[in-house]
C-alpha atoms as a PDB file:
ATOM      1  CA  UNK A   1      20.997  -6.488 -19.555  1.00  0.00           C
ATOM      2  CA  UNK A   2      18.580  -8.207 -17.186  1.00  0.00           C
ATOM      3  CA  UNK A   3      20.646 -11.383 -17.430  1.00  0.00           C
ATOM      4  CA  UNK A   4      22.941  -9.937 -14.755  1.00  0.00           C
ATOM      5  CA  UNK A   5      20.085 -10.014 -12.213  1.00  0.00           C
ATOM      6  CA  UNK A   6      20.257 -13.062 -10.003  1.00  0.00           C
ATOM      7  CA  UNK A   7      19.180 -12.510  -6.383  1.00  0.00           C
ATOM      8  CA  UNK A   8      15.949 -11.563  -4.654  1.00  0.00           C
ATOM      9  CA  UNK A   9      17.508  -8.219  -3.774  1.00  0.00           C
ATOM     10  CA  UNK A  10      18.563  -7.660  -7.403  1.00  0.00           C
ATOM     11  CA  UNK A  11      15.003  -8.039  -8.645  1.00  0.00           C
ATOM     12  CA  UNK A  12      13.495  -5.859  -5.925  1.00  0.00           C
ATOM     13  CA  UNK A  13      16.016  -3.143  -6.759  1.00  0.00           C
ATOM     14  CA  UNK A  14      15.438  -3.502 -10.507  1.00  0.00           C
ATOM     15  CA  UNK A  15      11.634  -3.401 -10.198  1.00  0.00           C
ATOM     16  CA  UNK A  16      11.810  -0.374  -7.911  1.00  0.00           C
ATOM     17  CA  UNK A  17      13.935   1.497 -10.433  1.00  0.00           C
ATOM     18  CA  UNK A  18      11.638   0.563 -13.331  1.00  0.00           C
ATOM     19  CA  UNK A  19       8.516   1.577 -11.430  1.00  0.00           C
ATOM     20  CA  UNK A  20       9.943   4.943 -10.392  1.00  0.00           C
ATOM     21  CA  UNK A  21      11.250   5.682 -13.889  1.00  0.00           C
ATOM     22  CA  UNK A  22       7.850   4.866 -15.408  1.00  0.00           C
ATOM     23  CA  UNK A  23       6.005   7.247 -13.091  1.00  0.00           C
ATOM     24  CA  UNK A  24       3.516   4.617 -11.960  1.00  0.00           C
ATOM     25  CA  UNK A  25       0.630   5.321  -9.611  1.00  0.00           C
ATOM     26  CA  UNK A  26       0.932   3.681  -6.191  1.00  0.00           C
ATOM     27  CA  UNK A  27      -2.586   4.349  -4.905  1.00  0.00           C
ATOM     28  CA  UNK A  28      -4.068   0.851  -5.057  1.00  0.00           C
ATOM     29  CA  UNK A  29      -2.751  -0.566  -1.828  1.00  0.00           C
ATOM     30  CA  UNK A  30       0.907   0.514  -1.809  1.00  0.00           C
ATOM     31  CA  UNK A  31       2.713   3.673  -0.760  1.00  0.00           C
ATOM     32  CA  UNK A  32       5.814   3.548  -2.930  1.00  0.00           C
ATOM     33  CA  UNK A  33       7.683   1.848  -5.767  1.00  0.00           C
ATOM     34  CA  UNK A  34       9.775  -0.078  -3.236  1.00  0.00           C
ATOM     35  CA  UNK A  35       6.665  -1.432  -1.481  1.00  0.00           C
ATOM     36  CA  UNK A  36       5.175  -2.573  -4.783  1.00  0.00           C
ATOM     37  CA  UNK A  37       8.428  -4.075  -6.019  1.00  0.00           C
ATOM     38  CA  UNK A  38       8.979  -6.015  -2.801  1.00  0.00           C
ATOM     39  CA  UNK A  39       5.422  -7.336  -2.849  1.00  0.00           C
ATOM     40  CA  UNK A  40       5.587  -8.355  -6.515  1.00  0.00           C
ATOM     41  CA  UNK A  41       8.897 -10.196  -6.172  1.00  0.00           C
ATOM     42  CA  UNK A  42       8.132 -11.965  -2.895  1.00  0.00           C
ATOM     43  CA  UNK A  43       4.587 -12.929  -3.915  1.00  0.00           C
ATOM     44  CA  UNK A  44       5.791 -14.308  -7.234  1.00  0.00           C
ATOM     45  CA  UNK A  45       8.352 -16.420  -5.370  1.00  0.00           C
ATOM     46  CA  UNK A  46       5.750 -17.510  -2.773  1.00  0.00           C
ATOM     47  CA  UNK A  47       7.930 -16.108  -0.029  1.00  0.00           C
ATOM     48  CA  UNK A  48       6.712 -14.399   3.163  1.00  0.00           C
ATOM     49  CA  UNK A  49       6.604 -10.629   3.106  1.00  0.00           C
ATOM     50  CA  UNK A  50       8.650 -10.477   6.309  1.00  0.00           C
ATOM     51  CA  UNK A  51      11.440 -12.461   4.669  1.00  0.00           C
ATOM     52  CA  UNK A  52      14.597 -12.402   6.827  1.00  0.00           C
ATOM     53  CA  UNK A  53      17.353 -10.231   5.288  1.00  0.00           C
ATOM     54  CA  UNK A  54      19.644 -13.240   4.966  1.00  0.00           C
ATOM     55  CA  UNK A  55      17.471 -14.540   2.135  1.00  0.00           C
ATOM     56  CA  UNK A  56      17.839 -11.382   0.061  1.00  0.00           C
ATOM     57  CA  UNK A  57      20.941 -12.834  -1.588  1.00  0.00           C
ATOM     58  CA  UNK A  58      19.178 -16.060  -2.612  1.00  0.00           C
ATOM     59  CA  UNK A  59      19.618 -16.768  -6.322  1.00  0.00           C
ATOM     60  CA  UNK A  60      16.499 -17.220  -8.455  1.00  0.00           C
ATOM     61  CA  UNK A  61      15.854 -20.112 -10.819  1.00  0.00           C
ATOM     62  CA  UNK A  62      15.503 -19.330 -14.552  1.00  0.00           C
ATOM     63  CA  UNK A  63      11.712 -19.828 -14.539  1.00  0.00           C
ATOM     64  CA  UNK A  64      11.383 -17.540 -11.520  1.00  0.00           C
ATOM     65  CA  UNK A  65      13.468 -14.847 -13.182  1.00  0.00           C
ATOM     66  CA  UNK A  66      11.374 -15.065 -16.347  1.00  0.00           C
ATOM     67  CA  UNK A  67       8.033 -14.778 -14.540  1.00  0.00           C
ATOM     68  CA  UNK A  68       9.134 -11.812 -12.423  1.00  0.00           C
ATOM     69  CA  UNK A  69      10.475  -9.985 -15.478  1.00  0.00           C
ATOM     70  CA  UNK A  70       7.193 -10.612 -17.318  1.00  0.00           C
ATOM     71  CA  UNK A  71       5.220  -9.164 -14.437  1.00  0.00           C
ATOM     72  CA  UNK A  72       7.496  -6.139 -14.121  1.00  0.00           C
ATOM     73  CA  UNK A  73       7.087  -5.463 -17.831  1.00  0.00           C
ATOM     74  CA  UNK A  74       3.292  -5.710 -17.669  1.00  0.00           C
ATOM     75  CA  UNK A  75       3.221  -3.431 -14.628  1.00  0.00           C
ATOM     76  CA  UNK A  76       5.216  -0.802 -16.542  1.00  0.00           C
ATOM     77  CA  UNK A  77       3.925  -1.098 -20.103  1.00  0.00           C
ATOM     78  CA  UNK A  78       0.258  -1.944 -19.425  1.00  0.00           C
ATOM     79  CA  UNK A  79      -0.101  -0.279 -16.009  1.00  0.00           C
ATOM     80  CA  UNK A  80      -1.625  -3.488 -14.627  1.00  0.00           C
ATOM     81  CA  UNK A  81      -1.858  -3.192 -10.819  1.00  0.00           C
ATOM     82  CA  UNK A  82       0.397  -5.560  -8.889  1.00  0.00           C
ATOM     83  CA  UNK A  83      -2.543  -7.267  -7.143  1.00  0.00           C
ATOM     84  CA  UNK A  84      -3.926  -8.388 -10.495  1.00  0.00           C
ATOM     85  CA  UNK A  85      -0.513  -9.668 -11.564  1.00  0.00           C
ATOM     86  CA  UNK A  86      -0.097 -11.762  -8.417  1.00  0.00           C
ATOM     87  CA  UNK A  87      -3.798 -12.553  -7.937  1.00  0.00           C
ATOM     88  CA  UNK A  88      -3.629 -11.609  -4.269  1.00  0.00           C
ATOM     89  CA  UNK A  89      -4.069  -8.638  -1.953  1.00  0.00           C
ATOM     90  CA  UNK A  90      -3.971  -8.249   1.820  1.00  0.00           C
ATOM     91  CA  UNK A  91      -6.713  -6.665   3.919  1.00  0.00           C
ATOM     92  CA  UNK A  92      -7.103  -6.552   7.704  1.00  0.00           C
ATOM     93  CA  UNK A  93      -4.214  -8.989   8.052  1.00  0.00           C
ATOM     94  CA  UNK A  94      -5.745 -11.533   5.673  1.00  0.00           C
ATOM     95  CA  UNK A  95      -4.831 -12.547   2.120  1.00  0.00           C
ATOM     96  CA  UNK A  96      -7.583 -12.424  -0.505  1.00  0.00           C
ATOM     97  CA  UNK A  97      -7.803 -13.655  -4.056  1.00  0.00           C
ATOM     98  CA  UNK A  98      -8.415 -10.806  -6.480  1.00  0.00           C
ATOM     99  CA  UNK A  99      -9.152 -10.615 -10.195  1.00  0.00           C
ATOM    100  CA  UNK A 100     -10.119  -7.748 -12.505  1.00  0.00           C
ATOM    101  CA  UNK A 101     -13.754  -8.605 -11.664  1.00  0.00           C
ATOM    102  CA  UNK A 102     -13.339  -6.858  -8.296  1.00  0.00           C
ATOM    103  CA  UNK A 103     -11.725  -3.785  -6.815  1.00  0.00           C
ATOM    104  CA  UNK A 104      -8.345  -4.235  -5.193  1.00  0.00           C
ATOM    105  CA  UNK A 105      -8.876  -4.238  -1.395  1.00  0.00           C
ATOM    106  CA  UNK A 106      -7.561  -1.016   0.146  1.00  0.00           C
ATOM    107  CA  UNK A 107     -10.361   0.451   2.254  1.00  0.00           C
ATOM    108  CA  UNK A 108      -9.450   2.125   5.569  1.00  0.00           C
ATOM    109  CA  UNK A 109     -12.396   0.194   6.999  1.00  0.00           C
ATOM    110  CA  UNK A 110      -9.821  -2.541   7.654  1.00  0.00           C
ATOM    111  CA  UNK A 111      -8.662  -0.510  10.640  1.00  0.00           C
ATOM    112  CA  UNK A 112     -12.215  -0.384  12.043  1.00  0.00           C
ATOM    113  CA  UNK A 113     -12.574  -4.142  11.680  1.00  0.00           C
ATOM    114  CA  UNK A 114      -9.312  -4.753  13.508  1.00  0.00           C
ATOM    115  CA  UNK A 115     -10.546  -2.467  16.318  1.00  0.00           C
ATOM    116  CA  UNK A 116     -13.839  -4.364  16.572  1.00  0.00           C
ATOM    117  CA  UNK A 117     -15.677  -1.237  15.370  1.00  0.00           C
ATOM    118  CA  UNK A 118     -15.076   0.383  18.712  1.00  0.00           C
ATOM    119  CA  UNK A 119     -15.892   2.820  20.158  1.00  0.00           C
ATOM    120  CA  UNK A 120     -18.951   2.989  17.909  1.00  0.00           C
ATOM    121  CA  UNK A 121     -20.364  -0.422  18.836  1.00  0.00           C
ATOM    122  CA  UNK A 122     -19.898   0.427  22.513  1.00  0.00           C
ATOM    123  CA  UNK A 123     -19.566  -3.229  23.424  1.00  0.00           C
ATOM    124  CA  UNK A 124     -22.682  -4.305  21.519  1.00  0.00           C
ATOM    125  CA  UNK A 125     -22.549  -7.877  20.217  1.00  0.00           C
ATOM    126  CA  UNK A 126     -22.902  -8.235  16.478  1.00  0.00           C
ATOM    127  CA  UNK A 127     -25.025 -11.255  15.604  1.00  0.00           C
ATOM    128  CA  UNK A 128     -25.854 -10.355  12.016  1.00  0.00           C
ATOM    129  CA  UNK A 129     -23.831  -8.106   9.719  1.00  0.00           C
ATOM    130  CA  UNK A 130     -24.018  -7.092   6.080  1.00  0.00           C
ATOM    131  CA  UNK A 131     -21.230  -6.344   3.626  1.00  0.00           C
ATOM    132  CA  UNK A 132     -23.115  -4.389   0.955  1.00  0.00           C
ATOM    133  CA  UNK A 133     -21.420  -4.045  -2.450  1.00  0.00           C
ATOM    134  CA  UNK A 134     -18.970  -6.665  -1.223  1.00  0.00           C
ATOM    135  CA  UNK A 135     -16.803  -7.268  -4.317  1.00  0.00           C
ATOM    136  CA  UNK A 136     -14.111  -9.736  -3.220  1.00  0.00           C
ATOM    137  CA  UNK A 137     -15.868  -9.788   0.191  1.00  0.00           C
ATOM    138  CA  UNK A 138     -12.692  -8.695   1.953  1.00  0.00           C
ATOM    139  CA  UNK A 139     -14.728  -6.536   4.348  1.00  0.00           C
ATOM    140  CA  UNK A 140     -17.372  -9.152   5.121  1.00  0.00           C
ATOM    141  CA  UNK A 141     -14.937 -12.034   5.482  1.00  0.00           C
ATOM    142  CA  UNK A 142     -12.652  -9.946   7.690  1.00  0.00           C
ATOM    143  CA  UNK A 143     -15.710  -9.105   9.816  1.00  0.00           C
ATOM    144  CA  UNK A 144     -16.510 -12.800  10.139  1.00  0.00           C
ATOM    145  CA  UNK A 145     -12.898 -13.484  11.136  1.00  0.00           C
ATOM    146  CA  UNK A 146     -12.747 -10.683  13.716  1.00  0.00           C
ATOM    147  CA  UNK A 147     -16.338 -11.019  15.021  1.00  0.00           C
ATOM    148  CA  UNK A 148     -16.608 -14.766  15.735  1.00  0.00           C
ATOM    149  CA  UNK A 149     -20.221 -14.547  16.962  1.00  0.00           C
ATOM    150  CA  UNK A 150     -21.479 -12.895  13.775  1.00  0.00           C
ATOM    151  CA  UNK A 151     -23.040 -14.268  10.630  1.00  0.00           C
ATOM    152  CA  UNK A 152     -22.433 -12.055   7.615  1.00  0.00           C
ATOM    153  CA  UNK A 153     -24.358 -11.550   4.387  1.00  0.00           C
ATOM    154  CA  UNK A 154     -22.132 -10.820   1.384  1.00  0.00           C
ATOM    155  CA  UNK A 155     -24.110  -8.869  -1.192  1.00  0.00           C
ATOM    156  CA  UNK A 156     -23.194  -7.631  -4.658  1.00  0.00           C
ATOM    157  CA  UNK A 157     -24.811  -7.137  -8.057  1.00  0.00           C
ATOM    158  CA  UNK A 158     -21.845  -8.752  -9.845  1.00  0.00           C
ATOM    159  CA  UNK A 159     -22.034 -12.535 -10.208  1.00  0.00           C
ATOM    160  CA  UNK A 160     -18.296 -12.892 -10.994  1.00  0.00           C
ATOM    161  CA  UNK A 161     -17.519 -10.914  -7.832  1.00  0.00           C
ATOM    162  CA  UNK A 162     -19.770 -13.185  -5.771  1.00  0.00           C
ATOM    163  CA  UNK A 163     -18.091 -16.277  -7.195  1.00  0.00           C
ATOM    164  CA  UNK A 164     -14.752 -14.909  -6.048  1.00  0.00           C
ATOM    165  CA  UNK A 165     -16.274 -14.004  -2.670  1.00  0.00           C
ATOM    166  CA  UNK A 166     -17.276 -17.642  -2.238  1.00  0.00           C
ATOM    167  CA  UNK A 167     -13.703 -18.750  -2.940  1.00  0.00           C
ATOM    168  CA  UNK A 168     -12.334 -16.279  -0.417  1.00  0.00           C
ATOM    169  CA  UNK A 169     -14.839 -17.343   2.232  1.00  0.00           C
ATOM    170  CA  UNK A 170     -13.807 -20.969   1.763  1.00  0.00           C
ATOM    171  CA  UNK A 171     -10.126 -20.057   1.915  1.00  0.00           C
ATOM    172  CA  UNK A 172     -10.647 -18.397   5.297  1.00  0.00           C
ATOM    173  CA  UNK A 173     -12.872 -21.092   6.733  1.00  0.00           C
ATOM    174  CA  UNK A 174     -15.942 -18.912   7.229  1.00  0.00           C
ATOM    175  CA  UNK A 175     -18.272 -20.327   4.570  1.00  0.00           C
ATOM    176  CA  UNK A 176     -20.678 -21.613   7.211  1.00  0.00           C
ATOM    177  CA  UNK A 177     -21.049 -18.148   8.725  1.00  0.00           C
ATOM    178  CA  UNK A 178     -21.587 -16.155   5.536  1.00  0.00           C
ATOM    179  CA  UNK A 179     -24.371 -16.100   2.981  1.00  0.00           C
ATOM    180  CA  UNK A 180     -23.715 -14.936  -0.557  1.00  0.00           C
ATOM    181  CA  UNK A 181     -26.583 -12.995  -2.134  1.00  0.00           C
ATOM    182  CA  UNK A 182     -26.920 -11.459  -5.589  1.00  0.00           C
ATOM    183  CA  UNK A 183     -28.725  -8.164  -5.148  1.00  0.00           C
ATOM    184  CA  UNK A 184     -28.908  -4.630  -6.508  1.00  0.00           C
ATOM    185  CA  UNK A 185     -28.387  -2.839  -3.221  1.00  0.00           C
ATOM    186  CA  UNK A 186     -31.013  -3.921  -0.671  1.00  0.00           C
ATOM    187  CA  UNK A 187     -33.458  -5.148  -3.357  1.00  0.00           C
ATOM    188  CA  UNK A 188     -33.155  -8.866  -2.526  1.00  0.00           C
ATOM    189  CA  UNK A 189     -32.876  -8.448   1.256  1.00  0.00           C
ATOM    190  CA  UNK A 190     -36.552  -8.063   2.210  1.00  0.00           C
ATOM    191  CA  UNK A 191     -37.198  -9.196   5.783  1.00  0.00           C
ATOM    192  CA  UNK A 192     -33.532  -9.211   6.805  1.00  0.00           C
ATOM    193  CA  UNK A 193     -32.224  -6.960   9.565  1.00  0.00           C
ATOM    194  CA  UNK A 194     -28.728  -6.373  10.851  1.00  0.00           C
ATOM    195  CA  UNK A 195     -26.824  -5.083  13.846  1.00  0.00           C
ATOM    196  CA  UNK A 196     -24.170  -3.722  11.509  1.00  0.00           C
ATOM    197  CA  UNK A 197     -24.177  -2.722   7.841  1.00  0.00           C
ATOM    198  CA  UNK A 198     -20.826  -1.914   6.281  1.00  0.00           C
ATOM    199  CA  UNK A 199     -20.591  -0.666   2.719  1.00  0.00           C
ATOM    200  CA  UNK A 200     -17.800   0.453   0.434  1.00  0.00           C
ATOM    201  CA  UNK A 201     -19.988   1.169  -2.610  1.00  0.00           C
ATOM    202  CA  UNK A 202     -19.156   2.884  -5.904  1.00  0.00           C
ATOM    203  CA  UNK A 203     -18.676   6.565  -5.042  1.00  0.00           C
ATOM    204  CA  UNK A 204     -16.499   8.059  -7.777  1.00  0.00           C
ATOM    205  CA  UNK A 205     -17.894  10.852  -9.966  1.00  0.00           C
ATOM    206  CA  UNK A 206     -17.497  11.006 -13.731  1.00  0.00           C
ATOM    207  CA  UNK A 207     -14.935  13.832 -13.721  1.00  0.00           C
ATOM    208  CA  UNK A 208     -12.912  12.187 -10.958  1.00  0.00           C
ATOM    209  CA  UNK A 209     -12.932   8.882 -12.834  1.00  0.00           C
ATOM    210  CA  UNK A 210     -11.704  10.517 -16.031  1.00  0.00           C
ATOM    211  CA  UNK A 211      -8.761  11.987 -14.118  1.00  0.00           C
ATOM    212  CA  UNK A 212      -7.677   8.759 -12.427  1.00  0.00           C
ATOM    213  CA  UNK A 213      -4.312   7.195 -13.337  1.00  0.00           C
ATOM    214  CA  UNK A 214      -4.293   4.502 -16.024  1.00  0.00           C
ATOM    215  CA  UNK A 215      -4.037   1.763 -13.379  1.00  0.00           C
ATOM    216  CA  UNK A 216      -7.686   2.295 -12.430  1.00  0.00           C
ATOM    217  CA  UNK A 217      -8.887   1.406 -15.937  1.00  0.00           C
ATOM    218  CA  UNK A 218      -8.094  -2.226 -15.029  1.00  0.00           C
ATOM    219  CA  UNK A 219     -10.614  -2.173 -12.175  1.00  0.00           C
ATOM    220  CA  UNK A 220     -14.350  -2.698 -12.905  1.00  0.00           C
ATOM    221  CA  UNK A 221     -15.954   0.678 -13.635  1.00  0.00           C
ATOM    222  CA  UNK A 222     -19.215  -0.651 -12.192  1.00  0.00           C
ATOM    223  CA  UNK A 223     -17.520  -0.845  -8.783  1.00  0.00           C
ATOM    224  CA  UNK A 224     -16.101   2.684  -8.978  1.00  0.00           C
ATOM    225  CA  UNK A 225     -18.486   5.149 -10.630  1.00  0.00           C
ATOM    226  CA  UNK A 226     -21.841   6.189  -9.168  1.00  0.00           C
ATOM    227  CA  UNK A 227     -23.419   8.974 -11.164  1.00  0.00           C
ATOM    228  CA  UNK A 228     -22.133  12.385 -12.126  1.00  0.00           C
ATOM    229  CA  UNK A 229     -20.766  13.293  -8.676  1.00  0.00           C
ATOM    230  CA  UNK A 230     -20.396   9.815  -7.168  1.00  0.00           C
ATOM    231  CA  UNK A 231     -23.347  10.109  -4.802  1.00  0.00           C
ATOM    232  CA  UNK A 232     -26.128   8.158  -6.529  1.00  0.00           C
ATOM    233  CA  UNK A 233     -25.590   4.858  -4.703  1.00  0.00           C
ATOM    234  CA  UNK A 234     -24.385   6.339  -1.376  1.00  0.00           C
ATOM    235  CA  UNK A 235     -27.589   8.418  -1.179  1.00  0.00           C
ATOM    236  CA  UNK A 236     -29.683   5.369  -1.998  1.00  0.00           C
ATOM    237  CA  UNK A 237     -27.965   3.422   0.778  1.00  0.00           C
ATOM    238  CA  UNK A 238     -28.551   6.274   3.233  1.00  0.00           C
ATOM    239  CA  UNK A 239     -32.221   6.381   2.246  1.00  0.00           C
ATOM    240  CA  UNK A 240     -32.821   2.642   2.642  1.00  0.00           C
ATOM    241  CA  UNK A 241     -30.426   1.390   5.338  1.00  0.00           C
ATOM    242  CA  UNK A 242     -32.614   2.191   8.361  1.00  0.00           C
ATOM    243  CA  UNK A 243     -35.200  -0.313   7.123  1.00  0.00           C
ATOM    244  CA  UNK A 244     -32.610  -3.082   7.425  1.00  0.00           C
ATOM    245  CA  UNK A 245     -31.069  -2.099  10.761  1.00  0.00           C
ATOM    246  CA  UNK A 246     -32.155  -3.411  14.131  1.00  0.00           C
ATOM    247  CA  UNK A 247     -32.741  -1.031  17.014  1.00  0.00           C
ATOM    248  CA  UNK A 248     -29.367   0.500  17.877  1.00  0.00           C
ATOM    249  CA  UNK A 249     -27.832  -0.802  14.656  1.00  0.00           C
ATOM    250  CA  UNK A 250     -25.070   1.013  12.797  1.00  0.00           C
ATOM    251  CA  UNK A 251     -24.352   1.884   9.184  1.00  0.00           C
ATOM    252  CA  UNK A 252     -20.703   2.381   8.252  1.00  0.00           C
ATOM    253  CA  UNK A 253     -20.463   3.920   4.795  1.00  0.00           C
ATOM    254  CA  UNK A 254     -17.369   4.785   2.785  1.00  0.00           C
ATOM    255  CA  UNK A 255     -17.580   7.641   0.276  1.00  0.00           C
ATOM    256  CA  UNK A 256     -13.894   8.513  -0.057  1.00  0.00           C
ATOM    257  CA  UNK A 257     -13.179  11.774  -1.848  1.00  0.00           C
ATOM    258  CA  UNK A 258     -16.918  12.378  -2.245  1.00  0.00           C
ATOM    259  CA  UNK A 259     -17.121  13.259   1.459  1.00  0.00           C
ATOM    260  CA  UNK A 260     -17.301  17.015   0.821  1.00  0.00           C
ATOM    261  CA  UNK A 261     -19.940  16.562  -1.884  1.00  0.00           C
ATOM    262  CA  UNK A 262     -22.052  14.445   0.479  1.00  0.00           C
ATOM    263  CA  UNK A 263     -21.821  17.000   3.277  1.00  0.00           C
ATOM    264  CA  UNK A 264     -22.766  19.784   0.855  1.00  0.00           C
ATOM    265  CA  UNK A 265     -25.708  17.719  -0.358  1.00  0.00           C
ATOM    266  CA  UNK A 266     -26.931  16.926   3.171  1.00  0.00           C
ATOM    267  CA  UNK A 267     -25.726  19.824   5.360  1.00  0.00           C
ATOM    268  CA  UNK A 268     -28.192  19.082   8.174  1.00  0.00           C
ATOM    269  CA  UNK A 269     -27.297  15.414   8.600  1.00  0.00           C
ATOM    270  CA  UNK A 270     -24.961  14.924  11.599  1.00  0.00           C
ATOM    271  CA  UNK A 271     -22.366  12.731   9.919  1.00  0.00           C
ATOM    272  CA  UNK A 272     -19.631  11.301  12.147  1.00  0.00           C
ATOM    273  CA  UNK A 273     -16.411  10.981  10.138  1.00  0.00           C
ATOM    274  CA  UNK A 274     -13.882   8.414  11.307  1.00  0.00           C
ATOM    275  CA  UNK A 275     -10.289   9.469  11.932  1.00  0.00           C
ATOM    276  CA  UNK A 276      -7.826   6.724  11.025  1.00  0.00           C
ATOM    277  CA  UNK A 277      -4.413   6.160  12.578  1.00  0.00           C
ATOM    278  CA  UNK A 278      -3.027   4.567   9.406  1.00  0.00           C
ATOM    279  CA  UNK A 279      -4.421   7.084   6.946  1.00  0.00           C
ATOM    280  CA  UNK A 280      -7.609   7.260   4.940  1.00  0.00           C
ATOM    281  CA  UNK A 281     -10.795   9.293   5.161  1.00  0.00           C
ATOM    282  CA  UNK A 282     -14.325   9.518   3.865  1.00  0.00           C
ATOM    283  CA  UNK A 283     -15.893   6.902   6.155  1.00  0.00           C
ATOM    284  CA  UNK A 284     -18.974   7.879   8.150  1.00  0.00           C
ATOM    285  CA  UNK A 285     -20.837   6.175  10.997  1.00  0.00           C
ATOM    286  CA  UNK A 286     -24.591   6.649  11.424  1.00  0.00           C
ATOM    287  CA  UNK A 287     -26.950   4.849  13.761  1.00  0.00           C
ATOM    288  CA  UNK A 288     -30.505   3.811  12.888  1.00  0.00           C
ATOM    289  CA  UNK A 289     -32.137   6.647  14.809  1.00  0.00           C
ATOM    290  CA  UNK A 290     -30.027   9.250  13.016  1.00  0.00           C
ATOM    291  CA  UNK A 291     -30.904   7.749   9.649  1.00  0.00           C
ATOM    292  CA  UNK A 292     -34.604   7.778  10.489  1.00  0.00           C
ATOM    293  CA  UNK A 293     -34.439  11.396  11.698  1.00  0.00           C
ATOM    294  CA  UNK A 294     -32.544  12.400   8.556  1.00  0.00           C
ATOM    295  CA  UNK A 295     -34.891  10.598   6.174  1.00  0.00           C
ATOM    296  CA  UNK A 296     -36.726  13.756   5.003  1.00  0.00           C
ATOM    297  CA  UNK A 297     -33.489  15.543   4.092  1.00  0.00           C
ATOM    298  CA  UNK A 298     -32.146  12.468   2.306  1.00  0.00           C
ATOM    299  CA  UNK A 299     -35.394  11.999   0.370  1.00  0.00           C
ATOM    300  CA  UNK A 300     -35.431  15.658  -0.638  1.00  0.00           C
ATOM    301  CA  UNK A 301     -31.814  15.522  -1.813  1.00  0.00           C
ATOM    302  CA  UNK A 302     -32.544  12.454  -3.932  1.00  0.00           C
ATOM    303  CA  UNK A 303     -35.697  14.010  -5.393  1.00  0.00           C
ATOM    304  CA  UNK A 304     -33.827  17.155  -6.357  1.00  0.00           C
ATOM    305  CA  UNK A 305     -31.278  14.989  -8.170  1.00  0.00           C
ATOM    306  CA  UNK A 306     -33.969  13.027  -9.962  1.00  0.00           C
ATOM    307  CA  UNK A 307     -32.969   9.666  -8.487  1.00  0.00           C
ATOM    308  CA  UNK A 308     -35.593   9.199  -5.793  1.00  0.00           C
ATOM    309  CA  UNK A 309     -37.006   6.008  -7.269  1.00  0.00           C
END
């Protein structure tokens, strides 16, 4: 029956119907079946995502029809996220290569980058920044693009992720202003200090991971899960970040749905939680002095959990 499909509009409509009927999850960068379908079709055809309506009636070539139908089928039958099918995702207005070696970019931190991290930077110039647990390096590369005076370290434990980060840095012309470092957290960063540390680390708990839609099984578990309640790595970052921040420096840490667990674990720490205009939550801003003052509570919380090493 698909042989009656011919135009761009036909395939967007068909994919939307298939996605809705299959009950897919749209939580990896898209809000709806229509958004995903439009992105899949236009990306496959190498067309702009603001394609003028007049082109909606354009007729596809046989090879184009075949490839789009293959991708629709994989999206439905295998639950492969659209970004992995197209090999691309957008973040902070920039296109990034993605593979199953990295998470699909979708952090609300993009909004902070586009706002120059104001009002939290309060006009402070960022000379050195760190993207910790960088994955595809979408955060760090976007920082380099939006903060032209900054050099940015891109740090991850995954070598395949860092290889992709290098490709993305080259694609965006910032290779000379970033350094790619293989490191387990801060372990390989001795002697380095930063004006700004931004981290979207693994923060999903075991129970939450088990309940995620099938689409998330295609993303690297290493980049998602962090202990029983998701707080192992976030607490480690909170414990160590002050030692890598310059005077007046900021840590911006994403913990997503683990926000309430983190607050319950550290009730005396004065977390500042960012409110986003475009949606999203679970991102906190802490300055160096606050981290230093909170160090005893953080150390105690880690000791009680048995991960204070």
